[in-house]
Amino acid sequence: MTTLTVVPEEAPAAPQSMLDRMTLIMECFAMRAERRTLEDVCAETQLPRSTTHRILVDLVRLGWLAQTPHGYCLGGRSLAFGGGDSGHGRLREATAEALHDLALRTGMVVHLAVLADAEILYLDKVGGRFATQVPSRVGGRAPAHSTALGKAMLAWVAPEQVDLQLEGTMGRLTNRTICRISTLHQELARIRSRSGLAFERGECFPDVACVAAAIRSPEGPVGSISLCGDSGVHLERVAPLVAHAAKQASLDLYPQRAGQRARRAAPTLVPEQGWSPEAMDSLLSVGSDWI
């Protein structure tokens, strides 16, 4: 009688070149919002833990990945090359209705943007009679330190990461642009104290004023929404609308932030008259528990 011998299949050989290994690791990150721990990456790639950790450190250093308290995710350099398209699509879909509502209610220009290293990348721009006077475009970029959109996101980035991202990039666009990193950190602290609202008047484009708020995941900012008008616009009137839109987008994208809290109704426009600093502090502190 003939005995059949079953020969076990050999496991595929681990990739030998550094480029192959880096590619294998990068393929673990399919979407902008995804997070992978070291153990996750090791399990998916079947690479040794020490090798995986060393490559992850290099990818973070070079900007292809970013490290958060909850794991690794795509970095600014990957997003700049389109690695975050899926995440961007999800962000645009989640905010589309709110952007159009903001434009209709205020008549101002509405932007949606994400961080890409030291710059912001515009994902959306919605109408308003002032739109042609704002030299922004979907797919275009602007220095993060000079825009309300950028500052709104940078306010929730670790200070040391802000230093790394902006080192050597803080050029002057107008006579109002913040060009010193120490001054920028002071501004970011003020933004956090205002429940995350960032203001900008003529820092990026002359005669353009903006107010913005960040859309945030549990790990940090994933985008921001702004309203823009001419330099004479009363940003205080529309600031609560921007804050509400960003908060709602954050809760829609990351419902774990909401807990069991009921959603608040959208705020109405603030009257035309000016507000004292005390009144603005009180106004902008409403709903700040979502931060």
C-alpha atoms as a PDB file:
ATOM      1  CA  MET A   1       0.000   0.000   0.000  1.00  0.00           C
ATOM      2  CA  THR A   2       1.311   3.395  -0.959  1.00  0.00           C
ATOM      3  CA  THR A   3       1.448   5.986   1.792  1.00  0.00           C
ATOM      4  CA  LEU A   4       0.870   9.584   0.751  1.00  0.00           C
ATOM      5  CA  THR A   5       3.029  12.112   2.461  1.00  0.00           C
ATOM      6  CA  VAL A   6       1.520  15.583   2.847  1.00  0.00           C
ATOM      7  CA  VAL A   7       4.176  18.234   2.596  1.00  0.00           C
ATOM      8  CA  PRO A   8       3.145  21.398   4.451  1.00  0.00           C
ATOM      9  CA  GLU A   9       3.142  24.580   2.435  1.00  0.00           C
ATOM     10  CA  GLU A  10       6.010  26.862   3.200  1.00  0.00           C
ATOM     11  CA  ALA A  11       5.115  30.194   4.701  1.00  0.00           C
ATOM     12  CA  PRO A  12       5.800  33.045   2.309  1.00  0.00           C
ATOM     13  CA  ALA A  13       9.209  34.520   2.858  1.00  0.00           C
ATOM     14  CA  ALA A  14       9.303  37.810   4.669  1.00  0.00           C
ATOM     15  CA  PRO A  15      10.229  40.722   2.406  1.00  0.00           C
ATOM     16  CA  GLN A  16      13.937  41.372   2.557  1.00  0.00           C
ATOM     17  CA  SER A  17      14.386  44.892   1.216  1.00  0.00           C
ATOM     18  CA  MET A  18      13.676  47.942   3.336  1.00  0.00           C
ATOM     19  CA  LEU A  19      11.435  49.366   0.608  1.00  0.00           C
ATOM     20  CA  ASP A  20       9.322  46.192   0.577  1.00  0.00           C
ATOM     21  CA  ARG A  21       8.967  46.295   4.351  1.00  0.00           C
ATOM     22  CA  MET A  22       8.023  49.985   4.409  1.00  0.00           C
ATOM     23  CA  THR A  23       5.442  49.369   1.684  1.00  0.00           C
ATOM     24  CA  LEU A  24       3.986  46.466   3.631  1.00  0.00           C
ATOM     25  CA  ILE A  25       3.634  48.663   6.727  1.00  0.00           C
ATOM     26  CA  MET A  26       2.115  51.601   4.830  1.00  0.00           C
ATOM     27  CA  GLU A  27      -0.520  49.273   3.369  1.00  0.00           C
ATOM     28  CA  CYS A  28      -1.867  48.826   6.910  1.00  0.00           C
ATOM     29  CA  PHE A  29      -3.136  52.413   6.810  1.00  0.00           C
ATOM     30  CA  ALA A  30      -6.005  52.544   4.339  1.00  0.00           C
ATOM     31  CA  MET A  31      -7.838  55.601   5.664  1.00  0.00           C
ATOM     32  CA  ARG A  32      -6.940  58.889   7.293  1.00  0.00           C
ATOM     33  CA  ALA A  33      -8.983  58.170  10.432  1.00  0.00           C
ATOM     34  CA  GLU A  34      -7.566  54.693  11.026  1.00  0.00           C
ATOM     35  CA  ARG A  35      -5.195  54.056  13.937  1.00  0.00           C
ATOM     36  CA  ARG A  36      -2.852  51.076  14.221  1.00  0.00           C
ATOM     37  CA  THR A  37      -0.824  50.082  17.259  1.00  0.00           C
ATOM     38  CA  LEU A  38       2.605  48.491  16.979  1.00  0.00           C
ATOM     39  CA  GLU A  39       1.017  45.134  17.757  1.00  0.00           C
ATOM     40  CA  ASP A  40      -1.602  45.643  15.028  1.00  0.00           C
ATOM     41  CA  VAL A  41       1.061  46.361  12.427  1.00  0.00           C
ATOM     42  CA  CYS A  42       3.172  43.378  13.508  1.00  0.00           C
ATOM     43  CA  ALA A  43       0.159  41.080  13.252  1.00  0.00           C
ATOM     44  CA  GLU A  44      -0.823  42.337   9.802  1.00  0.00           C
ATOM     45  CA  THR A  45       2.657  42.371   8.291  1.00  0.00           C
ATOM     46  CA  GLN A  46       4.165  39.372  10.109  1.00  0.00           C
ATOM     47  CA  LEU A  47       7.361  41.386  10.507  1.00  0.00           C
ATOM     48  CA  PRO A  48       9.489  41.111  13.658  1.00  0.00           C
ATOM     49  CA  ARG A  49       8.472  43.548  16.381  1.00  0.00           C
ATOM     50  CA  SER A  50      11.881  45.241  16.594  1.00  0.00           C
ATOM     51  CA  THR A  51      12.026  45.691  12.825  1.00  0.00           C
ATOM     52  CA  THR A  52       8.474  47.039  12.695  1.00  0.00           C
ATOM     53  CA  HIS A  53       9.109  49.514  15.493  1.00  0.00           C
ATOM     54  CA  ARG A  54      12.301  50.779  13.870  1.00  0.00           C
ATOM     55  CA  ILE A  55      10.546  51.355  10.536  1.00  0.00           C
ATOM     56  CA  LEU A  56       7.564  53.054  12.226  1.00  0.00           C
ATOM     57  CA  VAL A  57       9.922  55.442  14.014  1.00  0.00           C
ATOM     58  CA  ASP A  58      11.568  56.328  10.692  1.00  0.00           C
ATOM     59  CA  LEU A  59       8.206  56.800   8.949  1.00  0.00           C
ATOM     60  CA  VAL A  60       7.061  59.147  11.724  1.00  0.00           C
ATOM     61  CA  ARG A  61      10.332  61.083  11.566  1.00  0.00           C
ATOM     62  CA  LEU A  62       9.939  61.533   7.809  1.00  0.00           C
ATOM     63  CA  GLY A  63       6.281  62.557   8.043  1.00  0.00           C
ATOM     64  CA  TRP A  64       4.742  59.553   6.259  1.00  0.00           C
ATOM     65  CA  LEU A  65       3.058  58.497   9.520  1.00  0.00           C
ATOM     66  CA  ALA A  66       2.100  60.317  12.704  1.00  0.00           C
ATOM     67  CA  GLN A  67       2.056  58.912  16.231  1.00  0.00           C
ATOM     68  CA  THR A  68      -0.858  59.577  18.583  1.00  0.00           C
ATOM     69  CA  PRO A  69      -1.632  58.332  22.110  1.00  0.00           C
ATOM     70  CA  HIS A  70      -3.880  55.712  20.491  1.00  0.00           C
ATOM     71  CA  GLY A  71      -1.510  54.455  17.792  1.00  0.00           C
ATOM     72  CA  TYR A  72      -0.110  55.394  14.406  1.00  0.00           C
ATOM     73  CA  CYS A  73      -1.957  57.052  11.529  1.00  0.00           C
ATOM     74  CA  LEU A  74      -1.190  58.610   8.155  1.00  0.00           C
ATOM     75  CA  GLY A  75       1.043  61.669   8.399  1.00  0.00           C
ATOM     76  CA  GLY A  76       0.992  64.959   6.538  1.00  0.00           C
ATOM     77  CA  ARG A  77       3.336  63.799   3.786  1.00  0.00           C
ATOM     78  CA  SER A  78       1.074  60.824   2.976  1.00  0.00           C
ATOM     79  CA  LEU A  79      -1.996  63.067   2.897  1.00  0.00           C
ATOM     80  CA  ALA A  80      -0.246  65.486   0.558  1.00  0.00           C
ATOM     81  CA  PHE A  81       0.213  62.634  -1.925  1.00  0.00           C
ATOM     82  CA  GLY A  82      -3.430  61.626  -1.708  1.00  0.00           C
ATOM     83  CA  GLY A  83      -3.007  58.864   0.853  1.00  0.00           C
ATOM     84  CA  GLY A  84      -5.934  60.261   2.812  1.00  0.00           C
ATOM     85  CA  ASP A  85      -8.456  60.557  -0.017  1.00  0.00           C
ATOM     86  CA  SER A  86     -10.882  58.126   1.634  1.00  0.00           C
ATOM     87  CA  GLY A  87     -10.758  60.039   4.878  1.00  0.00           C
ATOM     88  CA  HIS A  88     -11.163  63.346   3.051  1.00  0.00           C
ATOM     89  CA  GLY A  89     -14.211  62.028   1.230  1.00  0.00           C
ATOM     90  CA  ARG A  90     -15.781  60.963   4.506  1.00  0.00           C
ATOM     91  CA  LEU A  91     -15.041  64.379   6.022  1.00  0.00           C
ATOM     92  CA  ARG A  92     -16.541  66.226   3.054  1.00  0.00           C
ATOM     93  CA  GLU A  93     -19.636  64.020   3.116  1.00  0.00           C
ATOM     94  CA  ALA A  94     -20.139  64.548   6.844  1.00  0.00           C
ATOM     95  CA  THR A  95     -19.897  68.339   6.565  1.00  0.00           C
ATOM     96  CA  ALA A  96     -21.541  69.062   3.195  1.00  0.00           C
ATOM     97  CA  GLU A  97     -24.967  69.954   4.581  1.00  0.00           C
ATOM     98  CA  ALA A  98     -23.518  72.108   7.366  1.00  0.00           C
ATOM     99  CA  LEU A  99     -21.286  74.051   4.940  1.00  0.00           C
ATOM    100  CA  HIS A 100     -24.193  74.899   2.654  1.00  0.00           C
ATOM    101  CA  ASP A 101     -26.370  75.812   5.634  1.00  0.00           C
ATOM    102  CA  LEU A 102     -23.688  78.168   6.938  1.00  0.00           C
ATOM    103  CA  ALA A 103     -23.372  79.834   3.536  1.00  0.00           C
ATOM    104  CA  LEU A 104     -27.140  80.303   3.239  1.00  0.00           C
ATOM    105  CA  ARG A 105     -27.576  81.630   6.778  1.00  0.00           C
ATOM    106  CA  THR A 106     -24.684  84.085   6.676  1.00  0.00           C
ATOM    107  CA  GLY A 107     -24.020  84.922   3.019  1.00  0.00           C
ATOM    108  CA  MET A 108     -20.329  84.404   3.763  1.00  0.00           C
ATOM    109  CA  VAL A 109     -17.693  82.124   2.242  1.00  0.00           C
ATOM    110  CA  VAL A 110     -17.393  78.744   3.958  1.00  0.00           C
ATOM    111  CA  HIS A 111     -14.237  76.621   3.902  1.00  0.00           C
ATOM    112  CA  LEU A 112     -13.398  73.072   4.936  1.00  0.00           C
ATOM    113  CA  ALA A 113      -9.698  72.254   5.321  1.00  0.00           C
ATOM    114  CA  VAL A 114      -7.254  69.719   6.768  1.00  0.00           C
ATOM    115  CA  LEU A 115      -3.686  70.023   8.010  1.00  0.00           C
ATOM    116  CA  ALA A 116      -0.882  68.919   5.684  1.00  0.00           C
ATOM    117  CA  ASP A 117       2.369  69.460   7.594  1.00  0.00           C
ATOM    118  CA  ALA A 118       2.929  73.238   7.789  1.00  0.00           C
ATOM    119  CA  GLU A 119       0.034  74.032   5.456  1.00  0.00           C
ATOM    120  CA  ILE A 120      -3.709  73.663   5.211  1.00  0.00           C
ATOM    121  CA  LEU A 121      -5.312  71.884   2.269  1.00  0.00           C
ATOM    122  CA  TYR A 122      -8.696  73.254   1.184  1.00  0.00           C
ATOM    123  CA  LEU A 123     -11.197  70.424   0.711  1.00  0.00           C
ATOM    124  CA  ASP A 124     -14.279  72.549   0.049  1.00  0.00           C
ATOM    125  CA  LYS A 125     -15.339  76.133  -0.600  1.00  0.00           C
ATOM    126  CA  VAL A 126     -18.971  77.203  -0.666  1.00  0.00           C
ATOM    127  CA  GLY A 127     -20.245  80.368  -2.338  1.00  0.00           C
ATOM    128  CA  GLY A 128     -21.252  83.709  -1.014  1.00  0.00           C
ATOM    129  CA  ARG A 129     -20.997  87.000  -2.859  1.00  0.00           C
ATOM    130  CA  PHE A 130     -17.514  87.492  -1.425  1.00  0.00           C
ATOM    131  CA  ALA A 131     -16.185  84.202  -2.849  1.00  0.00           C
ATOM    132  CA  THR A 132     -14.406  85.693  -5.850  1.00  0.00           C
ATOM    133  CA  GLN A 133     -12.495  88.076  -3.588  1.00  0.00           C
ATOM    134  CA  VAL A 134     -11.079  85.262  -1.437  1.00  0.00           C
ATOM    135  CA  PRO A 135      -8.147  83.759  -3.421  1.00  0.00           C
ATOM    136  CA  SER A 136      -8.637  80.226  -2.074  1.00  0.00           C
ATOM    137  CA  ARG A 137      -9.577  77.176  -4.129  1.00  0.00           C
ATOM    138  CA  VAL A 138     -10.455  73.545  -3.530  1.00  0.00           C
ATOM    139  CA  GLY A 139      -7.185  71.604  -3.653  1.00  0.00           C
ATOM    140  CA  GLY A 140      -5.194  74.749  -2.915  1.00  0.00           C
ATOM    141  CA  ARG A 141      -2.993  75.360   0.092  1.00  0.00           C
ATOM    142  CA  ALA A 142      -2.071  78.122   2.515  1.00  0.00           C
ATOM    143  CA  PRO A 143       0.394  78.361   5.419  1.00  0.00           C
ATOM    144  CA  ALA A 144      -1.303  76.985   8.541  1.00  0.00           C
ATOM    145  CA  HIS A 145       0.115  79.655  10.867  1.00  0.00           C
ATOM    146  CA  SER A 146      -1.502  82.471   8.869  1.00  0.00           C
ATOM    147  CA  THR A 147      -5.086  81.168   8.685  1.00  0.00           C
ATOM    148  CA  ALA A 148      -7.900  80.753  11.170  1.00  0.00           C
ATOM    149  CA  LEU A 149      -8.451  77.267   9.723  1.00  0.00           C
ATOM    150  CA  GLY A 150      -4.861  76.281  10.443  1.00  0.00           C
ATOM    151  CA  LYS A 151      -4.690  77.842  13.884  1.00  0.00           C
ATOM    152  CA  ALA A 152      -7.967  76.172  14.907  1.00  0.00           C
ATOM    153  CA  MET A 153      -6.358  72.778  14.222  1.00  0.00           C
ATOM    154  CA  LEU A 154      -2.880  73.600  15.539  1.00  0.00           C
ATOM    155  CA  ALA A 155      -4.444  74.585  18.876  1.00  0.00           C
ATOM    156  CA  TRP A 156      -5.150  70.871  19.484  1.00  0.00           C
ATOM    157  CA  VAL A 157      -1.770  69.567  18.312  1.00  0.00           C
ATOM    158  CA  ALA A 158       0.950  68.877  20.893  1.00  0.00           C
ATOM    159  CA  PRO A 159       3.194  71.987  21.213  1.00  0.00           C
ATOM    160  CA  GLU A 160       6.336  70.022  20.373  1.00  0.00           C
ATOM    161  CA  GLN A 161       4.642  68.699  17.225  1.00  0.00           C
ATOM    162  CA  VAL A 162       3.672  72.250  16.255  1.00  0.00           C
ATOM    163  CA  ASP A 163       7.329  73.223  16.573  1.00  0.00           C
ATOM    164  CA  LEU A 164       8.396  70.323  14.341  1.00  0.00           C
ATOM    165  CA  GLN A 165       5.743  70.985  11.715  1.00  0.00           C
ATOM    166  CA  LEU A 166       6.326  74.731  11.438  1.00  0.00           C
ATOM    167  CA  GLU A 167      10.088  74.938  11.934  1.00  0.00           C
ATOM    168  CA  GLY A 168      11.542  77.266   9.321  1.00  0.00           C
ATOM    169  CA  THR A 169       8.200  77.808   7.544  1.00  0.00           C
ATOM    170  CA  MET A 170       6.642  80.815   9.289  1.00  0.00           C
ATOM    171  CA  GLY A 171       7.013  83.402   6.562  1.00  0.00           C
ATOM    172  CA  ARG A 172       5.212  86.752   6.486  1.00  0.00           C
ATOM    173  CA  LEU A 173       2.299  87.061   4.053  1.00  0.00           C
ATOM    174  CA  THR A 174       0.955  90.404   5.291  1.00  0.00           C
ATOM    175  CA  ASN A 175       1.938  92.876   7.988  1.00  0.00           C
ATOM    176  CA  ARG A 176      -0.462  91.034  10.323  1.00  0.00           C
ATOM    177  CA  THR A 177       0.971  87.531   9.893  1.00  0.00           C
ATOM    178  CA  ILE A 178       2.321  85.857  13.046  1.00  0.00           C
ATOM    179  CA  CYS A 179       5.951  85.020  12.283  1.00  0.00           C
ATOM    180  CA  ARG A 180       7.332  83.993  15.687  1.00  0.00           C
ATOM    181  CA  ILE A 181       6.655  80.526  17.084  1.00  0.00           C
ATOM    182  CA  SER A 182       6.431  81.895  20.641  1.00  0.00           C
ATOM    183  CA  THR A 183       3.727  84.372  19.560  1.00  0.00           C
ATOM    184  CA  LEU A 184       1.873  81.603  17.759  1.00  0.00           C
ATOM    185  CA  HIS A 185       1.861  79.425  20.893  1.00  0.00           C
ATOM    186  CA  GLN A 186       0.323  82.346  22.815  1.00  0.00           C
ATOM    187  CA  GLU A 187      -2.357  82.639  20.135  1.00  0.00           C
ATOM    188  CA  LEU A 188      -3.048  78.897  20.251  1.00  0.00           C
ATOM    189  CA  ALA A 189      -3.488  79.120  24.032  1.00  0.00           C
ATOM    190  CA  ARG A 190      -6.041  81.918  23.531  1.00  0.00           C
ATOM    191  CA  ILE A 191      -7.899  79.752  20.991  1.00  0.00           C
ATOM    192  CA  ARG A 192      -8.152  76.905  23.500  1.00  0.00           C
ATOM    193  CA  SER A 193      -9.429  79.346  26.133  1.00  0.00           C
ATOM    194  CA  ARG A 194     -12.163  80.481  23.680  1.00  0.00           C
ATOM    195  CA  SER A 195     -13.602  76.969  23.365  1.00  0.00           C
ATOM    196  CA  GLY A 196     -11.539  76.380  20.216  1.00  0.00           C
ATOM    197  CA  LEU A 197     -12.566  79.390  18.119  1.00  0.00           C
ATOM    198  CA  ALA A 198      -9.773  80.907  16.011  1.00  0.00           C
ATOM    199  CA  PHE A 199      -9.968  84.400  14.533  1.00  0.00           C
ATOM    200  CA  GLU A 200      -7.920  85.941  11.746  1.00  0.00           C
ATOM    201  CA  ARG A 201      -8.051  89.388  10.155  1.00  0.00           C
ATOM    202  CA  GLY A 202      -5.766  89.968   7.200  1.00  0.00           C
ATOM    203  CA  GLU A 203      -3.082  87.512   8.310  1.00  0.00           C
ATOM    204  CA  CYS A 204      -3.183  85.414   5.128  1.00  0.00           C
ATOM    205  CA  PHE A 205      -5.093  87.511   2.584  1.00  0.00           C
ATOM    206  CA  PRO A 206      -5.353  91.313   2.940  1.00  0.00           C
ATOM    207  CA  ASP A 207      -8.834  92.598   3.751  1.00  0.00           C
ATOM    208  CA  VAL A 208     -10.179  89.106   4.542  1.00  0.00           C
ATOM    209  CA  ALA A 209     -11.431  88.140   8.006  1.00  0.00           C
ATOM    210  CA  CYS A 210     -12.163  84.573   9.157  1.00  0.00           C
ATOM    211  CA  VAL A 211     -13.377  82.623  12.159  1.00  0.00           C
ATOM    212  CA  ALA A 212     -12.814  78.865  12.356  1.00  0.00           C
ATOM    213  CA  ALA A 213     -13.225  75.857  14.631  1.00  0.00           C
ATOM    214  CA  ALA A 214     -11.658  72.409  14.455  1.00  0.00           C
ATOM    215  CA  ILE A 215     -13.387  69.102  13.794  1.00  0.00           C
ATOM    216  CA  ARG A 216     -11.872  66.691  16.289  1.00  0.00           C
ATOM    217  CA  SER A 217     -11.513  62.962  16.730  1.00  0.00           C
ATOM    218  CA  PRO A 218     -10.659  61.448  20.119  1.00  0.00           C
ATOM    219  CA  GLU A 219      -6.976  61.664  19.089  1.00  0.00           C
ATOM    220  CA  GLY A 220      -6.865  65.201  17.733  1.00  0.00           C
ATOM    221  CA  PRO A 221      -7.984  67.550  14.944  1.00  0.00           C
ATOM    222  CA  VAL A 222      -9.005  66.033  11.604  1.00  0.00           C
ATOM    223  CA  GLY A 223     -10.193  69.214   9.884  1.00  0.00           C
ATOM    224  CA  SER A 224     -11.667  72.651  10.421  1.00  0.00           C
ATOM    225  CA  ILE A 225     -14.533  74.821   9.202  1.00  0.00           C
ATOM    226  CA  SER A 226     -14.376  78.587   8.677  1.00  0.00           C
ATOM    227  CA  LEU A 227     -16.537  81.525   7.688  1.00  0.00           C
ATOM    228  CA  CYS A 228     -14.859  84.330   5.709  1.00  0.00           C
ATOM    229  CA  GLY A 229     -15.884  87.858   4.850  1.00  0.00           C
ATOM    230  CA  ASP A 230     -14.346  91.264   4.302  1.00  0.00           C
ATOM    231  CA  SER A 231     -12.242  92.825   7.030  1.00  0.00           C
ATOM    232  CA  GLY A 232     -15.201  94.789   8.392  1.00  0.00           C
ATOM    233  CA  VAL A 233     -17.435  91.793   9.066  1.00  0.00           C
ATOM    234  CA  HIS A 234     -18.641  91.174  12.651  1.00  0.00           C
ATOM    235  CA  LEU A 235     -17.113  87.766  13.263  1.00  0.00           C
ATOM    236  CA  GLU A 236     -18.579  87.702  16.784  1.00  0.00           C
ATOM    237  CA  ARG A 237     -22.067  87.341  15.291  1.00  0.00           C
ATOM    238  CA  VAL A 238     -21.270  84.191  13.332  1.00  0.00           C
ATOM    239  CA  ALA A 239     -18.709  82.576  15.641  1.00  0.00           C
ATOM    240  CA  PRO A 240     -21.323  80.460  17.499  1.00  0.00           C
ATOM    241  CA  LEU A 241     -22.523  79.033  14.168  1.00  0.00           C
ATOM    242  CA  VAL A 242     -19.017  77.886  13.259  1.00  0.00           C
ATOM    243  CA  ALA A 243     -18.496  76.375  16.708  1.00  0.00           C
ATOM    244  CA  HIS A 244     -21.772  74.473  16.462  1.00  0.00           C
ATOM    245  CA  ALA A 245     -21.047  73.178  12.929  1.00  0.00           C
ATOM    246  CA  ALA A 246     -17.608  71.892  13.955  1.00  0.00           C
ATOM    247  CA  LYS A 247     -18.989  70.310  17.118  1.00  0.00           C
ATOM    248  CA  GLN A 248     -21.790  68.583  15.207  1.00  0.00           C
ATOM    249  CA  ALA A 249     -19.389  67.254  12.583  1.00  0.00           C
ATOM    250  CA  SER A 250     -17.146  65.913  15.346  1.00  0.00           C
ATOM    251  CA  LEU A 251     -20.054  64.095  16.970  1.00  0.00           C
ATOM    252  CA  ASP A 252     -21.311  62.724  13.650  1.00  0.00           C
ATOM    253  CA  LEU A 253     -17.887  61.395  12.673  1.00  0.00           C
ATOM    254  CA  TYR A 254     -16.911  60.230  16.155  1.00  0.00           C
ATOM    255  CA  PRO A 255     -20.126  59.493  18.099  1.00  0.00           C
ATOM    256  CA  GLN A 256     -18.111  58.122  21.029  1.00  0.00           C
ATOM    257  CA  ARG A 257     -17.428  61.775  21.926  1.00  0.00           C
ATOM    258  CA  ALA A 258     -21.103  62.413  22.470  1.00  0.00           C
ATOM    259  CA  GLY A 259     -21.772  59.937  25.239  1.00  0.00           C
ATOM    260  CA  GLN A 260     -25.405  60.145  26.247  1.00  0.00           C
ATOM    261  CA  ARG A 261     -25.678  63.915  25.871  1.00  0.00           C
ATOM    262  CA  ALA A 262     -28.529  65.298  23.816  1.00  0.00           C
ATOM    263  CA  ARG A 263     -27.570  67.464  20.887  1.00  0.00           C
ATOM    264  CA  ARG A 264     -28.181  71.133  21.324  1.00  0.00           C
ATOM    265  CA  ALA A 265     -30.101  73.145  18.761  1.00  0.00           C
ATOM    266  CA  ALA A 266     -28.089  75.338  16.396  1.00  0.00           C
ATOM    267  CA  PRO A 267     -27.545  78.841  17.795  1.00  0.00           C
ATOM    268  CA  THR A 268     -29.084  81.874  16.172  1.00  0.00           C
ATOM    269  CA  LEU A 269     -27.121  84.808  14.837  1.00  0.00           C
ATOM    270  CA  VAL A 270     -25.877  87.214  17.465  1.00  0.00           C
ATOM    271  CA  PRO A 271     -27.332  90.763  17.201  1.00  0.00           C
ATOM    272  CA  GLU A 272     -25.418  93.367  15.191  1.00  0.00           C
ATOM    273  CA  GLN A 273     -24.196  95.379  18.152  1.00  0.00           C
ATOM    274  CA  GLY A 274     -20.752  94.794  19.554  1.00  0.00           C
ATOM    275  CA  TRP A 275     -20.039  92.563  22.526  1.00  0.00           C
ATOM    276  CA  SER A 276     -17.882  93.180  25.542  1.00  0.00           C
ATOM    277  CA  PRO A 277     -15.008  90.738  26.180  1.00  0.00           C
ATOM    278  CA  GLU A 278     -16.927  89.412  29.186  1.00  0.00           C
ATOM    279  CA  ALA A 279     -20.037  88.778  27.097  1.00  0.00           C
ATOM    280  CA  MET A 280     -18.023  87.055  24.363  1.00  0.00           C
ATOM    281  CA  ASP A 281     -16.267  84.831  26.912  1.00  0.00           C
ATOM    282  CA  SER A 282     -19.652  83.803  28.289  1.00  0.00           C
ATOM    283  CA  LEU A 283     -21.107  83.243  24.828  1.00  0.00           C
ATOM    284  CA  LEU A 284     -18.186  81.195  23.524  1.00  0.00           C
ATOM    285  CA  SER A 285     -18.020  79.039  26.640  1.00  0.00           C
ATOM    286  CA  VAL A 286     -21.468  77.591  25.940  1.00  0.00           C
ATOM    287  CA  GLY A 287     -21.125  73.964  24.962  1.00  0.00           C
ATOM    288  CA  SER A 288     -17.403  73.883  25.660  1.00  0.00           C
ATOM    289  CA  ASP A 289     -17.705  70.464  27.343  1.00  0.00           C
ATOM    290  CA  TRP A 290     -17.352  68.789  23.953  1.00  0.00           C
ATOM    291  CA  ILE A 291     -13.679  69.765  23.721  1.00  0.00           C
END
